[in-house]
Amino acid sequence: MTLRITSVIIFCVLLSEAYKLGDAQVNHSKYWKEFQEFLKWKRTKQSSEYSVDFLRRAIGFDDRGGQRTNNRAIQDLPPKDQTALVARYVVNQADWAAVATISTRKDVETFPIANVISIGDGPIGNGSGMPYMYLTPLDYTAQDLARDHRTTILVSLAQGNYCKDRQWDPMDPRCARVLLSGKIIAIKNDTTEYETAKQLFFGRHPKLENMPADHGFFFAKLKIFAIALLNNFGGPKYISVEDYFHPPVTNRG
């Protein structure tokens, strides 16, 4: 009798789990169908959306120009506990950044996707903290930004000699790296900041001043919302935007 009762209980449990699994499969099928319908809708967009003219309007394209600066003074890395200063140092040392956007490419639509872009926040040793960039609507990064301005850029001291000289792997926490998250927006050409961006960016990347005019290059900047720094063991440090642009300095007696 006991065996029979146990068998009935086991059967009931298995039947309950089967119903749950069936519901999960139905929900999964429903969500997958909705996702496929969403992708189908996205693909019906005309290819003209990716034309230079469309992207110029969507992102806010402006004409190009620029002057150069050549101040290459190099500073020492700030103390690791002065995190805002360290973050500013890393950004200032970087000539390029890895940028992540939400893809509009047909083969990986809505996936996060990365690219390498040149950045410049000013002369080495005297940076502004703002990573200016020079983008073209012909590149998929600008095409992604026309749909969704959100992005994260990664800069690391691994791109120079600082970590190599110390035999630190790029993944070593002591090889400082910074994540800047926010929105990339175009800079209007009738503003003072446009002239500033030209000077600071071309000062670091003078060869890019001669890019083909028909490629529609425009200046842009990252409107920073969040900053994370990894420069030592113990996990990342989170820095406010206010502290990043106005770093507090700890007096050392």
C-alpha atoms as a PDB file:
ATOM      1  CA  MET A   1       0.000   0.000   0.000  1.00  0.00           C
ATOM      2  CA  THR A   2       2.794   2.410   0.895  1.00  0.00           C
ATOM      3  CA  LEU A   3       4.490   1.724  -2.435  1.00  0.00           C
ATOM      4  CA  ARG A   4       1.262   2.429  -4.287  1.00  0.00           C
ATOM      5  CA  ILE A   5       0.735   5.756  -2.489  1.00  0.00           C
ATOM      6  CA  THR A   6       4.362   6.774  -3.180  1.00  0.00           C
ATOM      7  CA  SER A   7       3.905   5.951  -6.873  1.00  0.00           C
ATOM      8  CA  VAL A   8       0.794   8.132  -7.069  1.00  0.00           C
ATOM      9  CA  ILE A   9       2.613  11.047  -5.418  1.00  0.00           C
ATOM     10  CA  ILE A  10       5.568  10.742  -7.798  1.00  0.00           C
ATOM     11  CA  PHE A  11       3.190  10.603 -10.776  1.00  0.00           C
ATOM     12  CA  CYS A  12       1.422  13.780  -9.615  1.00  0.00           C
ATOM     13  CA  VAL A  13       4.741  15.619  -9.193  1.00  0.00           C
ATOM     14  CA  LEU A  14       5.927  14.585 -12.648  1.00  0.00           C
ATOM     15  CA  LEU A  15       2.585  15.601 -14.164  1.00  0.00           C
ATOM     16  CA  SER A  16       2.850  19.037 -12.502  1.00  0.00           C
ATOM     17  CA  GLU A  17       6.372  19.545 -13.799  1.00  0.00           C
ATOM     18  CA  ALA A  18       5.255  18.499 -17.268  1.00  0.00           C
ATOM     19  CA  TYR A  19       2.570  21.182 -17.241  1.00  0.00           C
ATOM     20  CA  LYS A  20       5.116  23.777 -16.128  1.00  0.00           C
ATOM     21  CA  LEU A  21       7.488  22.729 -18.885  1.00  0.00           C
ATOM     22  CA  GLY A  22       4.695  22.900 -21.391  1.00  0.00           C
ATOM     23  CA  ASP A  23       3.824  26.453 -20.291  1.00  0.00           C
ATOM     24  CA  ALA A  24       7.497  27.479 -20.478  1.00  0.00           C
ATOM     25  CA  GLN A  25       7.759  26.085 -23.985  1.00  0.00           C
ATOM     26  CA  VAL A  26       4.602  27.934 -25.031  1.00  0.00           C
ATOM     27  CA  ASN A  27       5.963  31.193 -23.579  1.00  0.00           C
ATOM     28  CA  HIS A  28       9.350  30.630 -25.206  1.00  0.00           C
ATOM     29  CA  SER A  29       7.690  30.002 -28.573  1.00  0.00           C
ATOM     30  CA  LYS A  30       5.564  33.120 -28.131  1.00  0.00           C
ATOM     31  CA  TYR A  31       8.539  35.350 -27.296  1.00  0.00           C
ATOM     32  CA  TRP A  32      10.628  33.867 -30.106  1.00  0.00           C
ATOM     33  CA  LYS A  33       7.802  34.485 -32.585  1.00  0.00           C
ATOM     34  CA  GLU A  34       7.473  38.084 -31.400  1.00  0.00           C
ATOM     35  CA  PHE A  35      11.226  38.574 -31.728  1.00  0.00           C
ATOM     36  CA  GLN A  36      11.195  37.180 -35.270  1.00  0.00           C
ATOM     37  CA  GLU A  37       8.307  39.470 -36.179  1.00  0.00           C
ATOM     38  CA  PHE A  38      10.240  42.409 -34.755  1.00  0.00           C
ATOM     39  CA  LEU A  39      13.296  41.540 -36.861  1.00  0.00           C
ATOM     40  CA  LYS A  40      11.104  41.160 -39.946  1.00  0.00           C
ATOM     41  CA  TRP A  41       9.659  44.603 -39.334  1.00  0.00           C
ATOM     42  CA  LYS A  42      13.132  46.073 -38.907  1.00  0.00           C
ATOM     43  CA  ARG A  43      14.275  44.545 -42.194  1.00  0.00           C
ATOM     44  CA  THR A  44      11.440  46.211 -44.094  1.00  0.00           C
ATOM     45  CA  LYS A  45      13.152  49.542 -43.554  1.00  0.00           C
ATOM     46  CA  GLN A  46      14.446  50.888 -46.831  1.00  0.00           C
ATOM     47  CA  SER A  47      18.187  50.869 -47.402  1.00  0.00           C
ATOM     48  CA  SER A  48      18.018  54.619 -47.980  1.00  0.00           C
ATOM     49  CA  GLU A  49      17.953  54.982 -44.199  1.00  0.00           C
ATOM     50  CA  TYR A  50      21.671  54.276 -44.268  1.00  0.00           C
ATOM     51  CA  SER A  51      22.497  56.936 -46.836  1.00  0.00           C
ATOM     52  CA  VAL A  52      24.890  59.719 -45.917  1.00  0.00           C
ATOM     53  CA  ASP A  53      22.088  62.309 -46.045  1.00  0.00           C
ATOM     54  CA  PHE A  54      19.875  60.358 -43.655  1.00  0.00           C
ATOM     55  CA  LEU A  55      22.669  59.842 -41.160  1.00  0.00           C
ATOM     56  CA  ARG A  56      23.688  63.479 -41.342  1.00  0.00           C
ATOM     57  CA  ARG A  57      20.158  64.438 -40.291  1.00  0.00           C
ATOM     58  CA  ALA A  58      19.769  61.666 -37.718  1.00  0.00           C
ATOM     59  CA  ILE A  59      22.986  62.317 -35.826  1.00  0.00           C
ATOM     60  CA  GLY A  60      23.327  66.031 -36.556  1.00  0.00           C
ATOM     61  CA  PHE A  61      26.132  66.186 -39.109  1.00  0.00           C
ATOM     62  CA  ASP A  62      28.231  69.330 -39.500  1.00  0.00           C
ATOM     63  CA  ASP A  63      31.048  70.311 -41.843  1.00  0.00           C
ATOM     64  CA  ARG A  64      34.680  69.693 -41.020  1.00  0.00           C
ATOM     65  CA  GLY A  65      37.860  71.672 -40.577  1.00  0.00           C
ATOM     66  CA  GLY A  66      40.534  72.072 -37.957  1.00  0.00           C
ATOM     67  CA  GLN A  67      43.867  73.158 -36.592  1.00  0.00           C
ATOM     68  CA  ARG A  68      46.643  71.254 -34.918  1.00  0.00           C
ATOM     69  CA  THR A  69      48.346  71.365 -31.582  1.00  0.00           C
ATOM     70  CA  ASN A  70      51.597  69.583 -30.841  1.00  0.00           C
ATOM     71  CA  ASN A  71      52.010  69.634 -27.061  1.00  0.00           C
ATOM     72  CA  ARG A  72      53.193  66.089 -26.239  1.00  0.00           C
ATOM     73  CA  ALA A  73      54.184  66.589 -22.588  1.00  0.00           C
ATOM     74  CA  ILE A  74      53.756  63.341 -20.623  1.00  0.00           C
ATOM     75  CA  GLN A  75      52.763  63.156 -16.968  1.00  0.00           C
ATOM     76  CA  ASP A  76      53.276  60.356 -14.485  1.00  0.00           C
ATOM     77  CA  LEU A  77      50.315  58.160 -13.556  1.00  0.00           C
ATOM     78  CA  PRO A  78      48.489  59.743 -10.562  1.00  0.00           C
ATOM     79  CA  PRO A  79      48.285  57.812  -7.260  1.00  0.00           C
ATOM     80  CA  LYS A  80      45.880  54.901  -7.643  1.00  0.00           C
ATOM     81  CA  ASP A  81      43.584  56.130  -4.862  1.00  0.00           C
ATOM     82  CA  GLN A  82      42.921  59.391  -6.722  1.00  0.00           C
ATOM     83  CA  THR A  83      40.538  57.631  -9.076  1.00  0.00           C
ATOM     84  CA  ALA A  84      39.181  60.632 -10.971  1.00  0.00           C
ATOM     85  CA  LEU A  85      42.704  61.778 -11.832  1.00  0.00           C
ATOM     86  CA  VAL A  86      43.652  58.250 -12.910  1.00  0.00           C
ATOM     87  CA  ALA A  87      40.607  58.032 -15.183  1.00  0.00           C
ATOM     88  CA  ARG A  88      41.457  61.374 -16.754  1.00  0.00           C
ATOM     89  CA  TYR A  89      45.053  60.222 -17.240  1.00  0.00           C
ATOM     90  CA  VAL A  90      44.001  57.027 -19.016  1.00  0.00           C
ATOM     91  CA  VAL A  91      41.637  58.869 -21.356  1.00  0.00           C
ATOM     92  CA  ASN A  92      44.251  61.499 -22.098  1.00  0.00           C
ATOM     93  CA  GLN A  93      46.932  58.922 -22.928  1.00  0.00           C
ATOM     94  CA  ALA A  94      44.666  57.048 -25.357  1.00  0.00           C
ATOM     95  CA  ASP A  95      44.796  57.665 -29.092  1.00  0.00           C
ATOM     96  CA  TRP A  96      41.885  55.307 -29.730  1.00  0.00           C
ATOM     97  CA  ALA A  97      39.042  53.587 -27.950  1.00  0.00           C
ATOM     98  CA  ALA A  98      36.895  50.512 -28.404  1.00  0.00           C
ATOM     99  CA  VAL A  99      33.320  51.679 -28.867  1.00  0.00           C
ATOM    100  CA  ALA A 100      30.275  49.458 -28.329  1.00  0.00           C
ATOM    101  CA  THR A 101      26.907  50.230 -29.929  1.00  0.00           C
ATOM    102  CA  ILE A 102      23.619  48.428 -30.585  1.00  0.00           C
ATOM    103  CA  SER A 103      24.021  46.988 -34.059  1.00  0.00           C
ATOM    104  CA  THR A 104      21.813  47.809 -37.040  1.00  0.00           C
ATOM    105  CA  ARG A 105      23.668  45.358 -39.281  1.00  0.00           C
ATOM    106  CA  LYS A 106      21.232  42.859 -40.791  1.00  0.00           C
ATOM    107  CA  ASP A 107      23.235  39.799 -39.727  1.00  0.00           C
ATOM    108  CA  VAL A 108      23.550  40.808 -36.050  1.00  0.00           C
ATOM    109  CA  GLU A 109      20.724  43.290 -35.646  1.00  0.00           C
ATOM    110  CA  THR A 110      20.104  44.410 -32.027  1.00  0.00           C
ATOM    111  CA  PHE A 111      23.311  42.696 -30.837  1.00  0.00           C
ATOM    112  CA  PRO A 112      26.015  44.729 -29.081  1.00  0.00           C
ATOM    113  CA  ILE A 113      28.887  45.272 -31.503  1.00  0.00           C
ATOM    114  CA  ALA A 114      32.311  46.893 -31.132  1.00  0.00           C
ATOM    115  CA  ASN A 115      34.544  49.059 -33.285  1.00  0.00           C
ATOM    116  CA  VAL A 116      37.801  50.998 -32.929  1.00  0.00           C
ATOM    117  CA  ILE A 117      37.675  54.780 -33.251  1.00  0.00           C
ATOM    118  CA  SER A 118      40.294  57.474 -32.847  1.00  0.00           C
ATOM    119  CA  ILE A 119      39.706  59.843 -29.946  1.00  0.00           C
ATOM    120  CA  GLY A 120      41.361  62.959 -28.636  1.00  0.00           C
ATOM    121  CA  ASP A 121      40.693  64.996 -25.506  1.00  0.00           C
ATOM    122  CA  GLY A 122      43.600  67.374 -26.052  1.00  0.00           C
ATOM    123  CA  PRO A 123      47.405  67.416 -25.852  1.00  0.00           C
ATOM    124  CA  ILE A 124      49.017  64.657 -23.816  1.00  0.00           C
ATOM    125  CA  GLY A 125      49.517  66.003 -20.321  1.00  0.00           C
ATOM    126  CA  ASN A 126      46.812  68.668 -20.715  1.00  0.00           C
ATOM    127  CA  GLY A 127      43.581  66.919 -21.666  1.00  0.00           C
ATOM    128  CA  SER A 128      40.013  68.149 -21.291  1.00  0.00           C
ATOM    129  CA  GLY A 129      38.572  64.745 -20.311  1.00  0.00           C
ATOM    130  CA  MET A 130      36.080  64.887 -23.173  1.00  0.00           C
ATOM    131  CA  PRO A 131      36.761  62.152 -25.770  1.00  0.00           C
ATOM    132  CA  TYR A 132      36.127  63.904 -29.062  1.00  0.00           C
ATOM    133  CA  MET A 133      35.839  61.752 -32.181  1.00  0.00           C
ATOM    134  CA  TYR A 134      35.585  62.136 -35.945  1.00  0.00           C
ATOM    135  CA  LEU A 135      32.995  59.853 -37.513  1.00  0.00           C
ATOM    136  CA  THR A 136      31.699  59.067 -40.973  1.00  0.00           C
ATOM    137  CA  PRO A 137      28.140  57.966 -41.810  1.00  0.00           C
ATOM    138  CA  LEU A 138      29.683  55.319 -44.077  1.00  0.00           C
ATOM    139  CA  ASP A 139      30.887  53.379 -41.028  1.00  0.00           C
ATOM    140  CA  TYR A 140      28.554  51.067 -39.133  1.00  0.00           C
ATOM    141  CA  THR A 141      29.183  52.835 -35.817  1.00  0.00           C
ATOM    142  CA  ALA A 142      27.582  56.049 -37.088  1.00  0.00           C
ATOM    143  CA  GLN A 143      24.773  53.996 -38.635  1.00  0.00           C
ATOM    144  CA  ASP A 144      24.101  52.388 -35.254  1.00  0.00           C
ATOM    145  CA  LEU A 145      24.141  55.782 -33.551  1.00  0.00           C
ATOM    146  CA  ALA A 146      21.538  57.106 -35.983  1.00  0.00           C
ATOM    147  CA  ARG A 147      19.106  54.626 -34.427  1.00  0.00           C
ATOM    148  CA  ASP A 148      20.355  54.605 -30.834  1.00  0.00           C
ATOM    149  CA  HIS A 149      22.851  57.093 -29.420  1.00  0.00           C
ATOM    150  CA  ARG A 150      23.697  54.957 -26.385  1.00  0.00           C
ATOM    151  CA  THR A 151      27.234  53.634 -26.256  1.00  0.00           C
ATOM    152  CA  THR A 152      30.109  52.630 -24.029  1.00  0.00           C
ATOM    153  CA  ILE A 153      33.727  53.301 -24.889  1.00  0.00           C
ATOM    154  CA  LEU A 154      36.704  51.496 -23.379  1.00  0.00           C
ATOM    155  CA  VAL A 155      40.175  52.994 -23.086  1.00  0.00           C
ATOM    156  CA  SER A 156      43.171  51.188 -21.602  1.00  0.00           C
ATOM    157  CA  LEU A 157      46.816  51.868 -20.867  1.00  0.00           C
ATOM    158  CA  ALA A 158      47.482  48.558 -22.631  1.00  0.00           C
ATOM    159  CA  GLN A 159      47.587  50.410 -25.960  1.00  0.00           C
ATOM    160  CA  GLY A 160      50.833  52.140 -24.969  1.00  0.00           C
ATOM    161  CA  ASN A 161      54.052  51.059 -23.266  1.00  0.00           C
ATOM    162  CA  TYR A 162      53.011  51.634 -19.651  1.00  0.00           C
ATOM    163  CA  CYS A 163      51.765  48.084 -19.056  1.00  0.00           C
ATOM    164  CA  LYS A 164      54.231  46.434 -21.427  1.00  0.00           C
ATOM    165  CA  ASP A 165      57.193  47.964 -19.613  1.00  0.00           C
ATOM    166  CA  ARG A 166      55.907  46.416 -16.386  1.00  0.00           C
ATOM    167  CA  GLN A 167      55.124  43.100 -18.071  1.00  0.00           C
ATOM    168  CA  TRP A 168      51.456  43.446 -17.150  1.00  0.00           C
ATOM    169  CA  ASP A 169      48.926  41.597 -19.249  1.00  0.00           C
ATOM    170  CA  PRO A 170      46.100  43.831 -20.594  1.00  0.00           C
ATOM    171  CA  MET A 171      43.744  41.919 -18.250  1.00  0.00           C
ATOM    172  CA  ASP A 172      45.907  42.630 -15.207  1.00  0.00           C
ATOM    173  CA  PRO A 173      43.850  44.977 -12.962  1.00  0.00           C
ATOM    174  CA  ARG A 174      46.918  47.171 -12.497  1.00  0.00           C
ATOM    175  CA  CYS A 175      46.884  47.895 -16.235  1.00  0.00           C
ATOM    176  CA  ALA A 176      44.371  50.700 -15.816  1.00  0.00           C
ATOM    177  CA  ARG A 177      41.284  50.859 -18.006  1.00  0.00           C
ATOM    178  CA  VAL A 178      38.210  53.060 -18.028  1.00  0.00           C
ATOM    179  CA  LEU A 179      34.648  52.469 -19.218  1.00  0.00           C
ATOM    180  CA  LEU A 180      32.736  55.597 -20.200  1.00  0.00           C
ATOM    181  CA  SER A 181      29.020  55.095 -20.856  1.00  0.00           C
ATOM    182  CA  GLY A 182      26.645  57.650 -22.304  1.00  0.00           C
ATOM    183  CA  LYS A 183      25.353  58.977 -25.606  1.00  0.00           C
ATOM    184  CA  ILE A 184      27.406  60.024 -28.621  1.00  0.00           C
ATOM    185  CA  ILE A 185      26.094  63.232 -30.142  1.00  0.00           C
ATOM    186  CA  ALA A 186      27.265  65.361 -33.063  1.00  0.00           C
ATOM    187  CA  ILE A 187      28.755  68.798 -32.460  1.00  0.00           C
ATOM    188  CA  LYS A 188      27.173  71.700 -34.335  1.00  0.00           C
ATOM    189  CA  ASN A 189      29.574  73.630 -36.518  1.00  0.00           C
ATOM    190  CA  ASP A 190      28.377  77.055 -35.381  1.00  0.00           C
ATOM    191  CA  THR A 191      29.495  76.594 -31.785  1.00  0.00           C
ATOM    192  CA  THR A 192      32.649  77.326 -29.852  1.00  0.00           C
ATOM    193  CA  GLU A 193      32.888  73.645 -28.936  1.00  0.00           C
ATOM    194  CA  TYR A 194      33.118  72.733 -32.617  1.00  0.00           C
ATOM    195  CA  GLU A 195      36.293  74.789 -32.945  1.00  0.00           C
ATOM    196  CA  THR A 196      37.598  73.264 -29.721  1.00  0.00           C
ATOM    197  CA  ALA A 197      36.905  69.738 -30.954  1.00  0.00           C
ATOM    198  CA  LYS A 198      38.736  70.417 -34.221  1.00  0.00           C
ATOM    199  CA  GLN A 199      41.786  71.745 -32.435  1.00  0.00           C
ATOM    200  CA  LEU A 200      41.988  69.030 -29.792  1.00  0.00           C
ATOM    201  CA  PHE A 201      41.218  66.102 -32.088  1.00  0.00           C
ATOM    202  CA  PHE A 202      43.414  67.070 -35.037  1.00  0.00           C
ATOM    203  CA  GLY A 203      46.193  67.917 -32.609  1.00  0.00           C
ATOM    204  CA  ARG A 204      46.331  64.186 -31.852  1.00  0.00           C
ATOM    205  CA  HIS A 205      45.345  62.907 -35.314  1.00  0.00           C
ATOM    206  CA  PRO A 206      46.622  65.399 -37.915  1.00  0.00           C
ATOM    207  CA  LYS A 207      46.440  62.893 -40.798  1.00  0.00           C
ATOM    208  CA  LEU A 208      42.694  62.548 -40.364  1.00  0.00           C
ATOM    209  CA  GLU A 209      42.320  66.221 -41.277  1.00  0.00           C
ATOM    210  CA  ASN A 210      42.668  65.186 -44.915  1.00  0.00           C
ATOM    211  CA  MET A 211      39.895  62.571 -45.061  1.00  0.00           C
ATOM    212  CA  PRO A 212      37.812  62.575 -48.304  1.00  0.00           C
ATOM    213  CA  ALA A 213      35.213  65.330 -48.274  1.00  0.00           C
ATOM    214  CA  ASP A 214      32.551  63.077 -49.818  1.00  0.00           C
ATOM    215  CA  HIS A 215      32.743  60.712 -46.815  1.00  0.00           C
ATOM    216  CA  GLY A 216      30.730  63.140 -44.720  1.00  0.00           C
ATOM    217  CA  PHE A 217      32.955  63.135 -41.628  1.00  0.00           C
ATOM    218  CA  PHE A 218      31.642  65.033 -38.615  1.00  0.00           C
ATOM    219  CA  PHE A 219      32.791  65.748 -35.064  1.00  0.00           C
ATOM    220  CA  ALA A 220      31.056  64.117 -32.138  1.00  0.00           C
ATOM    221  CA  LYS A 221      31.477  63.750 -28.407  1.00  0.00           C
ATOM    222  CA  LEU A 222      30.394  61.374 -25.690  1.00  0.00           C
ATOM    223  CA  LYS A 223      27.868  62.834 -23.263  1.00  0.00           C
ATOM    224  CA  ILE A 224      29.044  60.817 -20.275  1.00  0.00           C
ATOM    225  CA  PHE A 225      26.530  59.308 -17.857  1.00  0.00           C
ATOM    226  CA  ALA A 226      28.627  56.729 -15.983  1.00  0.00           C
ATOM    227  CA  ILE A 227      32.336  56.046 -15.390  1.00  0.00           C
ATOM    228  CA  ALA A 228      33.985  52.878 -14.126  1.00  0.00           C
ATOM    229  CA  LEU A 229      37.735  52.565 -13.504  1.00  0.00           C
ATOM    230  CA  LEU A 230      39.739  49.410 -12.917  1.00  0.00           C
ATOM    231  CA  ASN A 231      43.294  50.220 -11.872  1.00  0.00           C
ATOM    232  CA  ASN A 232      44.082  47.783  -9.078  1.00  0.00           C
ATOM    233  CA  PHE A 233      42.951  44.593  -7.392  1.00  0.00           C
ATOM    234  CA  GLY A 234      39.627  44.719  -5.586  1.00  0.00           C
ATOM    235  CA  GLY A 235      37.186  45.509  -8.369  1.00  0.00           C
ATOM    236  CA  PRO A 236      36.179  48.641 -10.287  1.00  0.00           C
ATOM    237  CA  LYS A 237      35.741  52.084  -8.818  1.00  0.00           C
ATOM    238  CA  TYR A 238      32.775  54.197  -9.884  1.00  0.00           C
ATOM    239  CA  ILE A 239      33.419  57.882 -10.459  1.00  0.00           C
ATOM    240  CA  SER A 240      30.828  60.635 -10.697  1.00  0.00           C
ATOM    241  CA  VAL A 241      30.795  62.776 -13.821  1.00  0.00           C
ATOM    242  CA  GLU A 242      31.291  65.843 -11.618  1.00  0.00           C
ATOM    243  CA  ASP A 243      34.455  64.409 -10.051  1.00  0.00           C
ATOM    244  CA  TYR A 244      35.723  63.252 -13.436  1.00  0.00           C
ATOM    245  CA  PHE A 245      35.637  66.729 -14.937  1.00  0.00           C
ATOM    246  CA  HIS A 246      36.659  68.419 -11.685  1.00  0.00           C
ATOM    247  CA  PRO A 247      38.914  65.823  -9.998  1.00  0.00           C
ATOM    248  CA  PRO A 248      39.335  66.193  -6.246  1.00  0.00           C
ATOM    249  CA  VAL A 249      42.989  66.101  -5.260  1.00  0.00           C
ATOM    250  CA  THR A 250      44.072  64.518  -1.989  1.00  0.00           C
ATOM    251  CA  ASN A 251      46.797  66.493  -0.231  1.00  0.00           C
ATOM    252  CA  ARG A 252      49.748  64.344   0.750  1.00  0.00           C
ATOM    253  CA  GLY A 253      51.736  65.680   3.650  1.00  0.00           C
END
